[in-house]
Amino acid sequence: MPRKPKRPCRFPGCPNLTDGAYCEEHAKVMEQHYEKFQRGYSPGKRYGRAWKRIRDRYVHKHPLCEQCLKAGRYVAVEEVHHIIPLADGGTNEESNLMSLCRSCHEKIHHERGDR
């Protein structure tokens, strides 16, 4: 049985012919692009098992949202927030952590403009 004819690579400006969507040269580049921009965010890639242990220990000590508690509301913790982000040189020390509900956490990041 005859094979399908090869098609041009879908990468812009690439003259190579291929059986798939991209030639071997550009297949890896496009896979990295897909992993970085198309797939959903995975906290496991950034934080890992050590962060989960630190987070669980902090939530056990601070089970209520600290912002809501100041306002007199009792809301369970959903997120542990870094006061100084890790990207800006913050650490996972307890002095740099804050327990928050999801709405307070989103409000803080919306005010900063980083999400």
C-alpha atoms as a PDB file:
ATOM      1  CA  MET A   1       0.000   0.000   0.000  1.00  0.00           C
ATOM      2  CA  PRO A   2       1.457   3.407  -0.904  1.00  0.00           C
ATOM      3  CA  ARG A   3       2.311   5.918   1.811  1.00  0.00           C
ATOM      4  CA  LYS A   4       0.801   9.377   2.058  1.00  0.00           C
ATOM      5  CA  PRO A   5       2.900  12.072   0.440  1.00  0.00           C
ATOM      6  CA  LYS A   6       4.990  14.190   2.777  1.00  0.00           C
ATOM      7  CA  ARG A   7       3.719  17.657   3.625  1.00  0.00           C
ATOM      8  CA  PRO A   8       5.596  20.857   4.397  1.00  0.00           C
ATOM      9  CA  CYS A   9       6.467  21.472   8.066  1.00  0.00           C
ATOM     10  CA  ARG A  10       3.918  23.760   9.751  1.00  0.00           C
ATOM     11  CA  PHE A  11       6.652  25.865  11.375  1.00  0.00           C
ATOM     12  CA  PRO A  12       6.692  29.307   9.679  1.00  0.00           C
ATOM     13  CA  GLY A  13       9.325  29.519   6.955  1.00  0.00           C
ATOM     14  CA  CYS A  14      10.518  25.904   7.248  1.00  0.00           C
ATOM     15  CA  PRO A  15      11.033  24.233   3.820  1.00  0.00           C
ATOM     16  CA  ASN A  16      11.384  20.647   5.170  1.00  0.00           C
ATOM     17  CA  LEU A  17       8.901  17.912   4.291  1.00  0.00           C
ATOM     18  CA  THR A  18       7.474  15.663   7.027  1.00  0.00           C
ATOM     19  CA  ASP A  19       5.006  12.863   7.722  1.00  0.00           C
ATOM     20  CA  GLY A  20       3.592  14.638  10.795  1.00  0.00           C
ATOM     21  CA  ALA A  21       2.772  18.258  11.543  1.00  0.00           C
ATOM     22  CA  TYR A  22       6.351  19.398  12.185  1.00  0.00           C
ATOM     23  CA  CYS A  23       9.774  18.237  10.984  1.00  0.00           C
ATOM     24  CA  GLU A  24      12.140  16.614  13.500  1.00  0.00           C
ATOM     25  CA  GLU A  25      13.968  19.913  13.927  1.00  0.00           C
ATOM     26  CA  HIS A  26      10.872  21.870  14.967  1.00  0.00           C
ATOM     27  CA  ALA A  27       8.866  19.124  16.719  1.00  0.00           C
ATOM     28  CA  LYS A  28      10.839  19.551  19.962  1.00  0.00           C
ATOM     29  CA  VAL A  29      10.569  23.355  19.838  1.00  0.00           C
ATOM     30  CA  MET A  30       6.809  23.171  19.417  1.00  0.00           C
ATOM     31  CA  GLU A  31       6.495  20.578  22.215  1.00  0.00           C
ATOM     32  CA  GLN A  32       8.319  22.941  24.604  1.00  0.00           C
ATOM     33  CA  HIS A  33       6.063  25.800  23.476  1.00  0.00           C
ATOM     34  CA  TYR A  34       2.983  23.665  24.137  1.00  0.00           C
ATOM     35  CA  GLU A  35       4.212  22.660  27.608  1.00  0.00           C
ATOM     36  CA  LYS A  36       4.976  26.268  28.535  1.00  0.00           C
ATOM     37  CA  PHE A  37       1.954  28.125  27.151  1.00  0.00           C
ATOM     38  CA  GLN A  38      -0.878  25.725  26.345  1.00  0.00           C
ATOM     39  CA  ARG A  39      -1.008  23.378  29.322  1.00  0.00           C
ATOM     40  CA  GLY A  40      -2.516  24.413  32.629  1.00  0.00           C
ATOM     41  CA  TYR A  41      -0.464  25.617  35.562  1.00  0.00           C
ATOM     42  CA  SER A  42       0.876  22.834  37.782  1.00  0.00           C
ATOM     43  CA  PRO A  43       1.937  23.913  41.269  1.00  0.00           C
ATOM     44  CA  GLY A  44       3.787  20.606  41.661  1.00  0.00           C
ATOM     45  CA  LYS A  45       6.351  21.700  39.096  1.00  0.00           C
ATOM     46  CA  ARG A  46       7.165  24.908  40.931  1.00  0.00           C
ATOM     47  CA  TYR A  47       6.823  23.949  44.574  1.00  0.00           C
ATOM     48  CA  GLY A  48       7.079  20.182  45.069  1.00  0.00           C
ATOM     49  CA  ARG A  49       6.791  17.943  48.123  1.00  0.00           C
ATOM     50  CA  ALA A  50       8.830  20.125  50.481  1.00  0.00           C
ATOM     51  CA  TRP A  51       6.466  23.073  49.924  1.00  0.00           C
ATOM     52  CA  LYS A  52       3.453  20.837  50.602  1.00  0.00           C
ATOM     53  CA  ARG A  53       4.895  19.867  54.002  1.00  0.00           C
ATOM     54  CA  ILE A  54       5.655  23.513  54.874  1.00  0.00           C
ATOM     55  CA  ARG A  55       2.186  24.566  53.729  1.00  0.00           C
ATOM     56  CA  ASP A  56       0.409  21.817  55.689  1.00  0.00           C
ATOM     57  CA  ARG A  57       2.359  22.701  58.847  1.00  0.00           C
ATOM     58  CA  TYR A  58       1.463  26.399  58.456  1.00  0.00           C
ATOM     59  CA  VAL A  59      -2.229  25.660  57.788  1.00  0.00           C
ATOM     60  CA  HIS A  60      -2.320  23.471  60.898  1.00  0.00           C
ATOM     61  CA  LYS A  61      -1.058  26.420  62.997  1.00  0.00           C
ATOM     62  CA  HIS A  62      -3.198  29.059  61.214  1.00  0.00           C
ATOM     63  CA  PRO A  63      -6.496  27.416  60.121  1.00  0.00           C
ATOM     64  CA  LEU A  64      -8.390  30.663  59.423  1.00  0.00           C
ATOM     65  CA  CYS A  65      -7.932  33.362  56.777  1.00  0.00           C
ATOM     66  CA  GLU A  66      -5.845  36.102  58.391  1.00  0.00           C
ATOM     67  CA  GLN A  67      -7.447  38.934  56.371  1.00  0.00           C
ATOM     68  CA  CYS A  68     -11.008  37.796  57.111  1.00  0.00           C
ATOM     69  CA  LEU A  69     -10.146  37.293  60.779  1.00  0.00           C
ATOM     70  CA  LYS A  70      -9.134  40.981  61.016  1.00  0.00           C
ATOM     71  CA  ALA A  71     -12.588  41.865  59.641  1.00  0.00           C
ATOM     72  CA  GLY A  72     -14.321  39.598  62.173  1.00  0.00           C
ATOM     73  CA  ARG A  73     -15.214  36.779  59.761  1.00  0.00           C
ATOM     74  CA  TYR A  74     -14.251  33.145  60.291  1.00  0.00           C
ATOM     75  CA  VAL A  75     -13.292  31.616  56.941  1.00  0.00           C
ATOM     76  CA  ALA A  76     -11.228  28.456  56.468  1.00  0.00           C
ATOM     77  CA  VAL A  77      -7.831  28.647  54.763  1.00  0.00           C
ATOM     78  CA  GLU A  78      -7.631  27.700  51.087  1.00  0.00           C
ATOM     79  CA  GLU A  79      -4.291  29.247  50.084  1.00  0.00           C
ATOM     80  CA  VAL A  80      -0.957  29.982  51.753  1.00  0.00           C
ATOM     81  CA  HIS A  81       0.435  33.228  50.392  1.00  0.00           C
ATOM     82  CA  HIS A  82       4.059  34.397  50.232  1.00  0.00           C
ATOM     83  CA  ILE A  83       4.155  38.003  51.466  1.00  0.00           C
ATOM     84  CA  ILE A  84       7.378  38.582  49.511  1.00  0.00           C
ATOM     85  CA  PRO A  85       7.090  36.366  46.394  1.00  0.00           C
ATOM     86  CA  LEU A  86       9.702  33.689  45.797  1.00  0.00           C
ATOM     87  CA  ALA A  87      10.499  35.347  42.463  1.00  0.00           C
ATOM     88  CA  ASP A  88      11.425  38.558  44.328  1.00  0.00           C
ATOM     89  CA  GLY A  89      13.719  36.826  46.807  1.00  0.00           C
ATOM     90  CA  GLY A  90      11.135  35.710  49.380  1.00  0.00           C
ATOM     91  CA  THR A  91      11.533  32.488  51.362  1.00  0.00           C
ATOM     92  CA  ASN A  92       9.313  29.754  52.770  1.00  0.00           C
ATOM     93  CA  GLU A  93       9.906  30.900  56.363  1.00  0.00           C
ATOM     94  CA  GLU A  94       6.798  31.342  58.510  1.00  0.00           C
ATOM     95  CA  SER A  95       7.435  35.083  58.798  1.00  0.00           C
ATOM     96  CA  ASN A  96       6.936  35.346  55.015  1.00  0.00           C
ATOM     97  CA  LEU A  97       3.725  33.280  54.864  1.00  0.00           C
ATOM     98  CA  MET A  98       0.090  34.251  55.293  1.00  0.00           C
ATOM     99  CA  SER A  99      -2.980  31.984  55.352  1.00  0.00           C
ATOM    100  CA  LEU A 100      -5.806  33.283  53.169  1.00  0.00           C
ATOM    101  CA  CYS A 101      -9.122  32.252  51.675  1.00  0.00           C
ATOM    102  CA  ARG A 102      -9.262  32.170  47.884  1.00  0.00           C
ATOM    103  CA  SER A 103     -11.058  35.518  47.501  1.00  0.00           C
ATOM    104  CA  CYS A 104      -8.543  37.380  49.700  1.00  0.00           C
ATOM    105  CA  HIS A 105      -5.657  35.713  47.869  1.00  0.00           C
ATOM    106  CA  GLU A 106      -7.055  36.749  44.482  1.00  0.00           C
ATOM    107  CA  LYS A 107      -7.681  40.282  45.775  1.00  0.00           C
ATOM    108  CA  ILE A 108      -4.030  40.664  46.853  1.00  0.00           C
ATOM    109  CA  HIS A 109      -2.723  39.444  43.485  1.00  0.00           C
ATOM    110  CA  HIS A 110      -5.214  41.613  41.593  1.00  0.00           C
ATOM    111  CA  GLU A 111      -4.022  44.694  43.490  1.00  0.00           C
ATOM    112  CA  ARG A 112      -0.394  43.823  42.691  1.00  0.00           C
ATOM    113  CA  GLY A 113      -1.299  43.269  39.052  1.00  0.00           C
ATOM    114  CA  ASP A 114       0.691  40.054  38.737  1.00  0.00           C
ATOM    115  CA  ARG A 115      -2.197  37.762  37.786  1.00  0.00           C
END
